[in-house]
PDB file of N, CA and C in Angstrom:
ATOM      1  N   ASP A   1     -60.167 -13.744  21.799  1.00  0.00           N
ATOM      2  CA  ASP A   1     -60.763 -14.315  22.887  1.00  0.00           C
ATOM      3  C   ASP A   1     -59.868 -14.690  24.031  1.00  0.00           C
ATOM      4  N   LEU A   2     -58.700 -15.208  23.743  1.00  0.00           N
ATOM      5  CA  LEU A   2     -57.677 -15.561  24.757  1.00  0.00           C
ATOM      6  C   LEU A   2     -57.347 -14.299  25.546  1.00  0.00           C
ATOM      7  N   TYR A   3     -57.093 -13.175  24.871  1.00  0.00           N
ATOM      8  CA  TYR A   3     -56.669 -11.938  25.546  1.00  0.00           C
ATOM      9  C   TYR A   3     -57.767 -11.545  26.504  1.00  0.00           C
ATOM     10  N   LEU A   4     -59.001 -11.584  26.101  1.00  0.00           N
ATOM     11  CA  LEU A   4     -60.154 -11.091  26.934  1.00  0.00           C
ATOM     12  C   LEU A   4     -60.223 -11.998  28.188  1.00  0.00           C
ATOM     13  N   LYS A   5     -59.981 -13.282  27.971  1.00  0.00           N
ATOM     14  CA  LYS A   5     -60.021 -14.266  29.116  1.00  0.00           C
ATOM     15  C   LYS A   5     -58.993 -13.845  30.106  1.00  0.00           C
ATOM     16  N   SER A   6     -57.789 -13.455  29.488  1.00  0.00           N
ATOM     17  CA  SER A   6     -56.564 -13.176  30.398  1.00  0.00           C
ATOM     18  C   SER A   6     -56.875 -11.837  31.203  1.00  0.00           C
ATOM     19  N   CYS A   7     -57.743 -10.967  30.726  1.00  0.00           N
ATOM     20  CA  CYS A   7     -58.153  -9.802  31.438  1.00  0.00           C
ATOM     21  C   CYS A   7     -59.223 -10.030  32.400  1.00  0.00           C
ATOM     22  N   GLY A   8     -59.804 -11.174  32.516  1.00  0.00           N
ATOM     23  CA  GLY A   8     -60.797 -11.530  33.455  1.00  0.00           C
ATOM     24  C   GLY A   8     -62.269 -11.245  32.855  1.00  0.00           C
ATOM     25  N   VAL A   9     -62.313 -11.071  31.490  1.00  0.00           N
ATOM     26  CA  VAL A   9     -63.622 -10.931  31.035  1.00  0.00           C
ATOM     27  C   VAL A   9     -64.205 -12.292  30.813  1.00  0.00           C
ATOM     28  N   PRO A  10     -65.395 -12.646  31.419  1.00  0.00           N
ATOM     29  CA  PRO A  10     -65.934 -13.954  31.362  1.00  0.00           C
ATOM     30  C   PRO A  10     -66.480 -14.299  29.910  1.00  0.00           C
ATOM     31  N   ALA A  11     -66.468 -15.587  29.655  1.00  0.00           N
ATOM     32  CA  ALA A  11     -66.978 -16.040  28.362  1.00  0.00           C
ATOM     33  C   ALA A  11     -68.552 -16.170  28.622  1.00  0.00           C
ATOM     34  N   GLY A  12     -69.234 -16.137  27.544  1.00  0.00           N
ATOM     35  CA  GLY A  12     -70.811 -16.220  27.554  1.00  0.00           C
ATOM     36  C   GLY A  12     -71.545 -15.037  27.952  1.00  0.00           C
ATOM     37  N   LEU A  13     -70.963 -13.920  27.937  1.00  0.00           N
ATOM     38  CA  LEU A  13     -71.761 -12.668  28.208  1.00  0.00           C
ATOM     39  C   LEU A  13     -72.874 -12.559  27.081  1.00  0.00           C
ATOM     40  N   PRO A  14     -73.983 -12.013  27.463  1.00  0.00           N
ATOM     41  CA  PRO A  14     -74.971 -11.748  26.524  1.00  0.00           C
ATOM     42  C   PRO A  14     -74.588 -10.823  25.392  1.00  0.00           C
ATOM     43  N   GLU A  15     -74.977 -11.205  24.128  1.00  0.00           N
ATOM     44  CA  GLU A  15     -74.578 -10.384  22.933  1.00  0.00           C
ATOM     45  C   GLU A  15     -75.527  -9.262  22.842  1.00  0.00           C
ATOM     46  N   LEU A  16     -75.046  -8.052  22.678  1.00  0.00           N
ATOM     47  CA  LEU A  16     -75.965  -6.898  22.465  1.00  0.00           C
ATOM     48  C   LEU A  16     -76.430  -6.745  21.015  1.00  0.00           C
ATOM     49  N   GLY A  17     -77.609  -6.345  20.723  1.00  0.00           N
ATOM     50  CA  GLY A  17     -78.042  -6.129  19.468  1.00  0.00           C
ATOM     51  C   GLY A  17     -77.389  -4.799  19.004  1.00  0.00           C
ATOM     52  N   MET A  18     -76.664  -4.862  17.894  1.00  0.00           N
ATOM     53  CA  MET A  18     -75.910  -3.659  17.428  1.00  0.00           C
ATOM     54  C   MET A  18     -76.143  -3.434  15.956  1.00  0.00           C
ATOM     55  N   ARG A  19     -76.543  -2.256  15.653  1.00  0.00           N
ATOM     56  CA  ARG A  19     -76.781  -1.859  14.230  1.00  0.00           C
ATOM     57  C   ARG A  19     -76.168  -0.472  13.928  1.00  0.00           C
ATOM     58  N   PHE A  20     -75.578  -0.421  12.734  1.00  0.00           N
ATOM     59  CA  PHE A  20     -75.158   0.899  12.173  1.00  0.00           C
ATOM     60  C   PHE A  20     -75.985   0.980  10.944  1.00  0.00           C
ATOM     61  N   CYS A  21     -76.892   1.923  10.945  1.00  0.00           N
ATOM     62  CA  CYS A  21     -77.891   2.151   9.865  1.00  0.00           C
ATOM     63  C   CYS A  21     -78.606   0.830   9.487  1.00  0.00           C
ATOM     64  N   ASP A  22     -78.229   0.173   8.331  1.00  0.00           N
ATOM     65  CA  ASP A  22     -78.913  -1.085   8.105  1.00  0.00           C
ATOM     66  C   ASP A  22     -77.809  -2.290   8.235  1.00  0.00           C
ATOM     67  N   ILE A  23     -76.704  -2.037   8.849  1.00  0.00           N
ATOM     68  CA  ILE A  23     -75.621  -3.000   8.997  1.00  0.00           C
ATOM     69  C   ILE A  23     -75.679  -3.526  10.433  1.00  0.00           C
ATOM     70  N   GLU A  24     -75.972  -4.848  10.544  1.00  0.00           N
ATOM     71  CA  GLU A  24     -76.083  -5.517  11.785  1.00  0.00           C
ATOM     72  C   GLU A  24     -74.800  -6.111  12.189  1.00  0.00           C
ATOM     73  N   ILE A  25     -74.263  -5.974  13.378  1.00  0.00           N
ATOM     74  CA  ILE A  25     -72.968  -6.385  13.821  1.00  0.00           C
ATOM     75  C   ILE A  25     -73.000  -7.626  14.658  1.00  0.00           C
ATOM     76  N   HIS A  26     -72.133  -8.676  14.342  1.00  0.00           N
ATOM     77  CA  HIS A  26     -72.050  -9.934  15.043  1.00  0.00           C
ATOM     78  C   HIS A  26     -70.655 -10.145  15.498  1.00  0.00           C
ATOM     79  N   GLY A  27     -70.083  -9.390  16.412  1.00  0.00           N
ATOM     80  CA  GLY A  27     -68.846  -9.439  16.956  1.00  0.00           C
ATOM     81  C   GLY A  27     -67.748  -9.716  15.831  1.00  0.00           C
ATOM     82  N   SER A  28     -66.667 -10.614  16.138  1.00  0.00           N
ATOM     83  CA  SER A  28     -65.617 -10.799  15.211  1.00  0.00           C
ATOM     84  C   SER A  28     -65.973 -11.454  13.951  1.00  0.00           C
ATOM     85  N   HIS A  29     -67.255 -11.786  13.924  1.00  0.00           N
ATOM     86  CA  HIS A  29     -67.634 -12.387  12.546  1.00  0.00           C
ATOM     87  C   HIS A  29     -67.953 -11.368  11.530  1.00  0.00           C
ATOM     88  N   SER A  30     -68.096 -10.034  11.970  1.00  0.00           N
ATOM     89  CA  SER A  30     -68.457  -8.984  11.106  1.00  0.00           C
ATOM     90  C   SER A  30     -67.016  -8.257  10.679  1.00  0.00           C
ATOM     91  N   GLN A  31     -66.902  -8.021   9.416  1.00  0.00           N
ATOM     92  CA  GLN A  31     -65.656  -7.367   8.915  1.00  0.00           C
ATOM     93  C   GLN A  31     -66.000  -6.167   8.080  1.00  0.00           C
ATOM     94  N   PHE A  32     -65.144  -5.075   8.243  1.00  0.00           N
ATOM     95  CA  PHE A  32     -65.492  -3.809   7.715  1.00  0.00           C
ATOM     96  C   PHE A  32     -64.333  -3.231   7.062  1.00  0.00           C
ATOM     97  N   ARG A  33     -64.578  -2.298   6.130  1.00  0.00           N
ATOM     98  CA  ARG A  33     -63.461  -1.445   5.582  1.00  0.00           C
ATOM     99  C   ARG A  33     -63.755   0.059   5.806  1.00  0.00           C
ATOM    100  N   LYS A  34     -62.778   0.704   6.303  1.00  0.00           N
ATOM    101  CA  LYS A  34     -63.030   2.118   6.708  1.00  0.00           C
ATOM    102  C   LYS A  34     -63.491   2.998   5.568  1.00  0.00           C
ATOM    103  N   THR A  35     -62.973   2.761   4.396  1.00  0.00           N
ATOM    104  CA  THR A  35     -63.338   3.660   3.352  1.00  0.00           C
ATOM    105  C   THR A  35     -64.717   3.350   2.715  1.00  0.00           C
ATOM    106  N   VAL A  36     -65.197   2.121   2.941  1.00  0.00           N
ATOM    107  CA  VAL A  36     -66.369   1.614   2.322  1.00  0.00           C
ATOM    108  C   VAL A  36     -67.513   1.842   3.314  1.00  0.00           C
ATOM    109  N   ASP A  37     -67.521   1.297   4.501  1.00  0.00           N
ATOM    110  CA  ASP A  37     -68.506   1.323   5.450  1.00  0.00           C
ATOM    111  C   ASP A  37     -68.518   2.552   6.444  1.00  0.00           C
ATOM    112  N   VAL A  38     -68.730   3.720   5.813  1.00  0.00           N
ATOM    113  CA  VAL A  38     -68.725   4.949   6.494  1.00  0.00           C
ATOM    114  C   VAL A  38     -69.717   5.083   7.575  1.00  0.00           C
ATOM    115  N   ALA A  39     -70.853   4.305   7.503  1.00  0.00           N
ATOM    116  CA  ALA A  39     -71.853   4.358   8.593  1.00  0.00           C
ATOM    117  C   ALA A  39     -71.168   3.957   9.905  1.00  0.00           C
ATOM    118  N   LEU A  40     -70.106   3.300   9.960  1.00  0.00           N
ATOM    119  CA  LEU A  40     -69.482   3.014  11.253  1.00  0.00           C
ATOM    120  C   LEU A  40     -68.965   4.115  12.039  1.00  0.00           C
ATOM    121  N   GLN A  41     -68.899   5.365  11.449  1.00  0.00           N
ATOM    122  CA  GLN A  41     -68.319   6.530  11.969  1.00  0.00           C
ATOM    123  C   GLN A  41     -69.453   7.226  12.874  1.00  0.00           C
ATOM    124  N   THR A  42     -70.640   6.768  12.944  1.00  0.00           N
ATOM    125  CA  THR A  42     -71.811   7.233  13.682  1.00  0.00           C
ATOM    126  C   THR A  42     -72.112   6.201  14.821  1.00  0.00           C
ATOM    127  N   ALA A  43     -72.421   6.692  15.954  1.00  0.00           N
ATOM    128  CA  ALA A  43     -72.645   5.820  17.084  1.00  0.00           C
ATOM    129  C   ALA A  43     -73.753   4.812  16.760  1.00  0.00           C
ATOM    130  N   PRO A  44     -73.570   3.586  17.145  1.00  0.00           N
ATOM    131  CA  PRO A  44     -74.505   2.550  16.695  1.00  0.00           C
ATOM    132  C   PRO A  44     -75.790   2.600  17.551  1.00  0.00           C
ATOM    133  N   GLU A  45     -76.857   1.897  17.036  1.00  0.00           N
ATOM    134  CA  GLU A  45     -78.103   1.633  17.798  1.00  0.00           C
ATOM    135  C   GLU A  45     -77.820   0.371  18.546  1.00  0.00           C
ATOM    136  N   LEU A  46     -77.858   0.353  19.883  1.00  0.00           N
ATOM    137  CA  LEU A  46     -77.686  -0.794  20.688  1.00  0.00           C
ATOM    138  C   LEU A  46     -79.068  -1.132  21.314  1.00  0.00           C
ATOM    139  N   ILE A  47     -79.231  -2.470  21.450  1.00  0.00           N
ATOM    140  CA  ILE A  47     -80.427  -2.990  22.006  1.00  0.00           C
ATOM    141  C   ILE A  47     -80.078  -4.126  23.059  1.00  0.00           C
ATOM    142  N   PHE A  48     -80.539  -3.847  24.395  1.00  0.00           N
ATOM    143  CA  PHE A  48     -80.142  -4.924  25.328  1.00  0.00           C
ATOM    144  C   PHE A  48     -81.442  -5.094  26.162  1.00  0.00           C
ATOM    145  N   LYS A  49     -81.488  -6.144  27.047  1.00  0.00           N
ATOM    146  CA  LYS A  49     -82.636  -6.446  27.800  1.00  0.00           C
ATOM    147  C   LYS A  49     -82.953  -5.401  28.846  1.00  0.00           C
ATOM    148  N   THR A  50     -84.131  -4.854  28.979  1.00  0.00           N
ATOM    149  CA  THR A  50     -84.470  -3.815  29.910  1.00  0.00           C
ATOM    150  C   THR A  50     -84.427  -4.345  31.269  1.00  0.00           C
ATOM    151  N   GLU A  51     -84.541  -5.633  31.559  1.00  0.00           N
ATOM    152  CA  GLU A  51     -84.350  -6.170  32.870  1.00  0.00           C
ATOM    153  C   GLU A  51     -82.978  -6.010  33.383  1.00  0.00           C
ATOM    154  N   PHE A  52     -82.049  -5.764  32.692  1.00  0.00           N
ATOM    155  CA  PHE A  52     -80.645  -5.422  33.096  1.00  0.00           C
ATOM    156  C   PHE A  52     -80.579  -4.167  33.952  1.00  0.00           C
ATOM    157  N   GLY A  53     -81.607  -3.351  33.812  1.00  0.00           N
ATOM    158  CA  GLY A  53     -81.669  -2.049  34.409  1.00  0.00           C
ATOM    159  C   GLY A  53     -80.610  -1.051  33.810  1.00  0.00           C
ATOM    160  N   PRO A  54     -80.304  -0.025  34.549  1.00  0.00           N
ATOM    161  CA  PRO A  54     -79.208   0.876  34.029  1.00  0.00           C
ATOM    162  C   PRO A  54     -78.030   0.253  33.642  1.00  0.00           C
ATOM    163  N   CYS A  55     -77.478   0.489  32.541  1.00  0.00           N
ATOM    164  CA  CYS A  55     -76.257  -0.194  31.978  1.00  0.00           C
ATOM    165  C   CYS A  55     -75.093   0.891  31.637  1.00  0.00           C
ATOM    166  N   THR A  56     -74.020   0.357  31.700  1.00  0.00           N
ATOM    167  CA  THR A  56     -72.776   1.146  31.135  1.00  0.00           C
ATOM    168  C   THR A  56     -72.339   0.485  29.924  1.00  0.00           C
ATOM    169  N   ILE A  57     -72.132   1.304  29.002  1.00  0.00           N
ATOM    170  CA  ILE A  57     -71.675   0.807  27.586  1.00  0.00           C
ATOM    171  C   ILE A  57     -70.218   1.141  27.515  1.00  0.00           C
ATOM    172  N   VAL A  58     -69.484   0.062  27.369  1.00  0.00           N
ATOM    173  CA  VAL A  58     -67.994   0.321  27.197  1.00  0.00           C
ATOM    174  C   VAL A  58     -67.568  -0.427  25.842  1.00  0.00           C
ATOM    175  N   ALA A  59     -67.180   0.332  24.933  1.00  0.00           N
ATOM    176  CA  ALA A  59     -66.823  -0.364  23.561  1.00  0.00           C
ATOM    177  C   ALA A  59     -65.315  -0.180  23.483  1.00  0.00           C
ATOM    178  N   VAL A  60     -64.627  -1.335  23.600  1.00  0.00           N
ATOM    179  CA  VAL A  60     -63.203  -1.311  23.696  1.00  0.00           C
ATOM    180  C   VAL A  60     -62.711  -2.436  22.595  1.00  0.00           C
ATOM    181  N   ASP A  61     -61.783  -2.061  21.815  1.00  0.00           N
ATOM    182  CA  ASP A  61     -61.059  -3.116  20.971  1.00  0.00           C
ATOM    183  C   ASP A  61     -59.741  -3.323  21.688  1.00  0.00           C
ATOM    184  N   PHE A  62     -59.758  -4.576  22.239  1.00  0.00           N
ATOM    185  CA  PHE A  62     -58.589  -4.972  23.030  1.00  0.00           C
ATOM    186  C   PHE A  62     -57.446  -5.280  22.066  1.00  0.00           C
ATOM    187  N   ALA A  63     -57.650  -5.565  20.914  1.00  0.00           N
ATOM    188  CA  ALA A  63     -56.618  -6.100  20.019  1.00  0.00           C
ATOM    189  C   ALA A  63     -56.371  -5.464  18.692  1.00  0.00           C
ATOM    190  N   PRO A  64     -56.445  -4.190  18.574  1.00  0.00           N
ATOM    191  CA  PRO A  64     -56.168  -3.813  17.173  1.00  0.00           C
ATOM    192  C   PRO A  64     -54.726  -4.078  16.634  1.00  0.00           C
ATOM    193  N   ASP A  65     -54.669  -4.554  15.476  1.00  0.00           N
ATOM    194  CA  ASP A  65     -53.483  -5.005  14.915  1.00  0.00           C
ATOM    195  C   ASP A  65     -52.777  -6.092  15.585  1.00  0.00           C
ATOM    196  N   GLN A  66     -53.768  -6.974  16.141  1.00  0.00           N
ATOM    197  CA  GLN A  66     -53.258  -8.136  17.024  1.00  0.00           C
ATOM    198  C   GLN A  66     -52.521  -9.094  16.090  1.00  0.00           C
ATOM    199  N   GLU A  67     -51.460  -9.787  16.474  1.00  0.00           N
ATOM    200  CA  GLU A  67     -50.773 -10.770  15.774  1.00  0.00           C
ATOM    201  C   GLU A  67     -50.586 -11.906  16.798  1.00  0.00           C
ATOM    202  N   GLY A  68     -50.113 -13.081  16.293  1.00  0.00           N
ATOM    203  CA  GLY A  68     -49.919 -14.166  17.107  1.00  0.00           C
ATOM    204  C   GLY A  68     -51.085 -15.007  17.489  1.00  0.00           C
ATOM    205  N   ASP A  69     -51.045 -15.555  18.673  1.00  0.00           N
ATOM    206  CA  ASP A  69     -52.152 -16.525  19.053  1.00  0.00           C
ATOM    207  C   ASP A  69     -53.413 -15.852  19.575  1.00  0.00           C
ATOM    208  N   GLY A  70     -53.400 -14.519  19.835  1.00  0.00           N
ATOM    209  CA  GLY A  70     -54.514 -13.908  20.409  1.00  0.00           C
ATOM    210  C   GLY A  70     -54.598 -13.739  21.889  1.00  0.00           C
ATOM    211  N   SER A  71     -53.402 -14.073  22.492  1.00  0.00           N
ATOM    212  CA  SER A  71     -53.265 -13.978  23.898  1.00  0.00           C
ATOM    213  C   SER A  71     -52.728 -12.781  24.423  1.00  0.00           C
ATOM    214  N   ALA A  72     -52.522 -11.722  23.523  1.00  0.00           N
ATOM    215  CA  ALA A  72     -51.927 -10.397  23.947  1.00  0.00           C
ATOM    216  C   ALA A  72     -52.630  -9.282  23.069  1.00  0.00           C
ATOM    217  N   PRO A  73     -52.651  -8.065  23.599  1.00  0.00           N
ATOM    218  CA  PRO A  73     -53.180  -7.042  22.782  1.00  0.00           C
ATOM    219  C   PRO A  73     -52.352  -6.716  21.572  1.00  0.00           C
ATOM    220  N   GLY A  74     -53.021  -6.105  20.604  1.00  0.00           N
ATOM    221  CA  GLY A  74     -52.241  -5.629  19.468  1.00  0.00           C
ATOM    222  C   GLY A  74     -51.418  -4.399  19.826  1.00  0.00           C
ATOM    223  N   LYS A  75     -50.571  -4.007  18.931  1.00  0.00           N
ATOM    224  CA  LYS A  75     -49.690  -2.863  19.343  1.00  0.00           C
ATOM    225  C   LYS A  75     -50.331  -1.602  19.566  1.00  0.00           C
ATOM    226  N   PHE A  76     -51.625  -1.426  19.136  1.00  0.00           N
ATOM    227  CA  PHE A  76     -52.319  -0.162  19.469  1.00  0.00           C
ATOM    228  C   PHE A  76     -53.489  -0.318  20.483  1.00  0.00           C
ATOM    229  N   GLY A  77     -53.552  -1.565  21.122  1.00  0.00           N
ATOM    230  CA  GLY A  77     -54.597  -1.832  22.086  1.00  0.00           C
ATOM    231  C   GLY A  77     -54.302  -1.576  23.519  1.00  0.00           C
ATOM    232  N   PRO A  78     -55.128  -1.632  24.293  1.00  0.00           N
ATOM    233  CA  PRO A  78     -56.594  -1.503  24.020  1.00  0.00           C
ATOM    234  C   PRO A  78     -56.985  -0.163  23.516  1.00  0.00           C
ATOM    235  N   TRP A  79     -58.093  -0.124  22.797  1.00  0.00           N
ATOM    236  CA  TRP A  79     -58.532   1.245  22.117  1.00  0.00           C
ATOM    237  C   TRP A  79     -59.920   1.407  22.596  1.00  0.00           C
ATOM    238  N   LEU A  80     -60.264   2.499  23.264  1.00  0.00           N
ATOM    239  CA  LEU A  80     -61.536   2.846  23.822  1.00  0.00           C
ATOM    240  C   LEU A  80     -62.270   3.561  22.699  1.00  0.00           C
ATOM    241  N   HIS A  81     -63.427   3.029  22.211  1.00  0.00           N
ATOM    242  CA  HIS A  81     -64.241   3.595  21.226  1.00  0.00           C
ATOM    243  C   HIS A  81     -65.408   4.331  21.727  1.00  0.00           C
ATOM    244  N   TRP A  82     -65.931   4.001  22.938  1.00  0.00           N
ATOM    245  CA  TRP A  82     -67.098   4.657  23.420  1.00  0.00           C
ATOM    246  C   TRP A  82     -67.392   4.358  24.943  1.00  0.00           C
ATOM    247  N   LEU A  83     -67.815   5.214  25.666  1.00  0.00           N
ATOM    248  CA  LEU A  83     -68.070   5.015  27.149  1.00  0.00           C
ATOM    249  C   LEU A  83     -69.317   5.822  27.436  1.00  0.00           C
ATOM    250  N   LYS A  84     -70.411   5.141  27.974  1.00  0.00           N
ATOM    251  CA  LYS A  84     -71.633   5.940  28.330  1.00  0.00           C
ATOM    252  C   LYS A  84     -72.079   5.129  29.739  1.00  0.00           C
ATOM    253  N   THR A  85     -72.595   5.855  30.517  1.00  0.00           N
ATOM    254  CA  THR A  85     -73.127   5.331  31.811  1.00  0.00           C
ATOM    255  C   THR A  85     -74.705   5.637  31.890  1.00  0.00           C
ATOM    256  N   GLY A  86     -75.320   4.920  32.750  1.00  0.00           N
ATOM    257  CA  GLY A  86     -76.814   5.146  33.073  1.00  0.00           C
ATOM    258  C   GLY A  86     -77.722   4.998  31.833  1.00  0.00           C
ATOM    259  N   CYS A  87     -77.338   4.174  30.902  1.00  0.00           N
ATOM    260  CA  CYS A  87     -78.199   3.815  29.755  1.00  0.00           C
ATOM    261  C   CYS A  87     -79.469   2.939  30.182  1.00  0.00           C
ATOM    262  N   GLU A  88     -80.641   3.437  30.005  1.00  0.00           N
ATOM    263  CA  GLU A  88     -81.765   2.778  30.415  1.00  0.00           C
ATOM    264  C   GLU A  88     -82.814   2.389  29.284  1.00  0.00           C
ATOM    265  N   GLY A  89     -83.808   1.548  29.636  1.00  0.00           N
ATOM    266  CA  GLY A  89     -84.841   1.290  28.572  1.00  0.00           C
ATOM    267  C   GLY A  89     -84.437   0.337  27.513  1.00  0.00           C
ATOM    268  N   GLY A  90     -83.284  -0.406  27.654  1.00  0.00           N
ATOM    269  CA  GLY A  90     -82.905  -1.208  26.633  1.00  0.00           C
ATOM    270  C   GLY A  90     -82.063  -0.634  25.416  1.00  0.00           C
ATOM    271  N   THR A  91     -81.761   0.631  25.622  1.00  0.00           N
ATOM    272  CA  THR A  91     -81.012   1.224  24.446  1.00  0.00           C
ATOM    273  C   THR A  91     -79.876   2.195  25.047  1.00  0.00           C
ATOM    274  N   ALA A  92     -79.012   2.670  24.239  1.00  0.00           N
ATOM    275  CA  ALA A  92     -77.953   3.505  24.576  1.00  0.00           C
ATOM    276  C   ALA A  92     -78.351   4.978  24.144  1.00  0.00           C
ATOM    277  N   ALA A  93     -79.502   5.152  23.958  1.00  0.00           N
ATOM    278  CA  ALA A  93     -80.104   6.579  23.518  1.00  0.00           C
ATOM    279  C   ALA A  93     -79.947   7.617  24.661  1.00  0.00           C
ATOM    280  N   GLY A  94     -80.096   7.242  25.919  1.00  0.00           N
ATOM    281  CA  GLY A  94     -79.996   8.190  27.014  1.00  0.00           C
ATOM    282  C   GLY A  94     -78.610   7.994  27.740  1.00  0.00           C
ATOM    283  N   GLY A  95     -78.562   8.400  28.939  1.00  0.00           N
ATOM    284  CA  GLY A  95     -77.321   8.191  29.737  1.00  0.00           C
ATOM    285  C   GLY A  95     -76.290   9.305  29.561  1.00  0.00           C
ATOM    286  N   SER A  96     -75.264   9.121  30.236  1.00  0.00           N
ATOM    287  CA  SER A  96     -74.260  10.182  30.165  1.00  0.00           C
ATOM    288  C   SER A  96     -73.031   9.682  29.421  1.00  0.00           C
ATOM    289  N   GLU A  97     -72.604  10.420  28.477  1.00  0.00           N
ATOM    290  CA  GLU A  97     -71.463  10.092  27.624  1.00  0.00           C
ATOM    291  C   GLU A  97     -70.127  10.570  28.230  1.00  0.00           C
ATOM    292  N   HIS A  98     -69.186   9.783  28.557  1.00  0.00           N
ATOM    293  CA  HIS A  98     -67.891  10.061  29.126  1.00  0.00           C
ATOM    294  C   HIS A  98     -66.791  10.167  28.102  1.00  0.00           C
ATOM    295  N   CYS A  99     -66.952   9.345  27.083  1.00  0.00           N
ATOM    296  CA  CYS A  99     -66.005   9.297  26.024  1.00  0.00           C
ATOM    297  C   CYS A  99     -66.881   9.220  24.685  1.00  0.00           C
ATOM    298  N   PRO A 100     -66.895  10.264  23.865  1.00  0.00           N
ATOM    299  CA  PRO A 100     -67.675  10.202  22.658  1.00  0.00           C
ATOM    300  C   PRO A 100     -67.371   9.135  21.677  1.00  0.00           C
ATOM    301  N   TYR A 101     -68.336   8.600  21.030  1.00  0.00           N
ATOM    302  CA  TYR A 101     -68.141   7.452  20.111  1.00  0.00           C
ATOM    303  C   TYR A 101     -67.041   7.885  19.056  1.00  0.00           C
ATOM    304  N   ARG A 102     -66.097   6.919  18.933  1.00  0.00           N
ATOM    305  CA  ARG A 102     -65.200   7.068  17.876  1.00  0.00           C
ATOM    306  C   ARG A 102     -65.082   5.712  17.080  1.00  0.00           C
ATOM    307  N   GLY A 103     -65.491   5.872  15.947  1.00  0.00           N
ATOM    308  CA  GLY A 103     -65.676   4.713  15.054  1.00  0.00           C
ATOM    309  C   GLY A 103     -64.302   4.050  14.588  1.00  0.00           C
ATOM    310  N   PRO A 104     -64.370   2.909  14.117  1.00  0.00           N
ATOM    311  CA  PRO A 104     -63.116   2.237  13.789  1.00  0.00           C
ATOM    312  C   PRO A 104     -62.408   2.916  12.644  1.00  0.00           C
ATOM    313  N   ALA A 105     -61.086   3.029  12.823  1.00  0.00           N
ATOM    314  CA  ALA A 105     -60.265   3.710  11.803  1.00  0.00           C
ATOM    315  C   ALA A 105     -58.906   2.958  11.554  1.00  0.00           C
ATOM    316  N   PRO A 106     -59.036   1.630  11.107  1.00  0.00           N
ATOM    317  CA  PRO A 106     -57.842   0.939  10.941  1.00  0.00           C
ATOM    318  C   PRO A 106     -56.841   1.558   9.900  1.00  0.00           C
ATOM    319  N   PRO A 107     -55.622   1.513  10.089  1.00  0.00           N
ATOM    320  CA  PRO A 107     -54.766   2.121   9.063  1.00  0.00           C
ATOM    321  C   PRO A 107     -54.882   1.595   7.692  1.00  0.00           C
ATOM    322  N   LYS A 108     -55.259   0.311   7.667  1.00  0.00           N
ATOM    323  CA  LYS A 108     -55.468  -0.296   6.323  1.00  0.00           C
ATOM    324  C   LYS A 108     -56.192  -1.609   6.395  1.00  0.00           C
ATOM    325  N   GLY A 109     -56.767  -2.090   5.333  1.00  0.00           N
ATOM    326  CA  GLY A 109     -57.357  -3.420   5.425  1.00  0.00           C
ATOM    327  C   GLY A 109     -58.765  -3.400   6.108  1.00  0.00           C
ATOM    328  N   ASN A 110     -59.151  -4.577   6.619  1.00  0.00           N
ATOM    329  CA  ASN A 110     -60.379  -4.843   7.342  1.00  0.00           C
ATOM    330  C   ASN A 110     -60.276  -4.508   8.749  1.00  0.00           C
ATOM    331  N   HIS A 111     -61.393  -4.277   9.295  1.00  0.00           N
ATOM    332  CA  HIS A 111     -61.535  -4.177  10.831  1.00  0.00           C
ATOM    333  C   HIS A 111     -62.633  -5.105  11.117  1.00  0.00           C
ATOM    334  N   ARG A 112     -62.514  -5.781  12.378  1.00  0.00           N
ATOM    335  CA  ARG A 112     -63.592  -6.733  12.793  1.00  0.00           C
ATOM    336  C   ARG A 112     -64.357  -6.160  13.948  1.00  0.00           C
TER     337      ARG A 112
END
């Protein structure tokens, strides 16, 4: 969170509803293992408020392999997982994909 703040990402942004098959995601509180949670390799279902209008989906992990106090990116960050523009109707189902979804692939251990 310190690193995001240093990049100008404001605190308190609305949380997206995110689901991989039957796995609901809740930010850094969710932990995964690449070899066990294979559903993460398929683009998630996203749900957001329709009143936002057309949205851009940017899935970035700013801190893979982050160490220290969280104020700097990890040695492999930032990592772009997905980029779509023009998503409407409260989902990421439509729109234009500019970077295809790439699921998490940590070299070992858990991924948040």
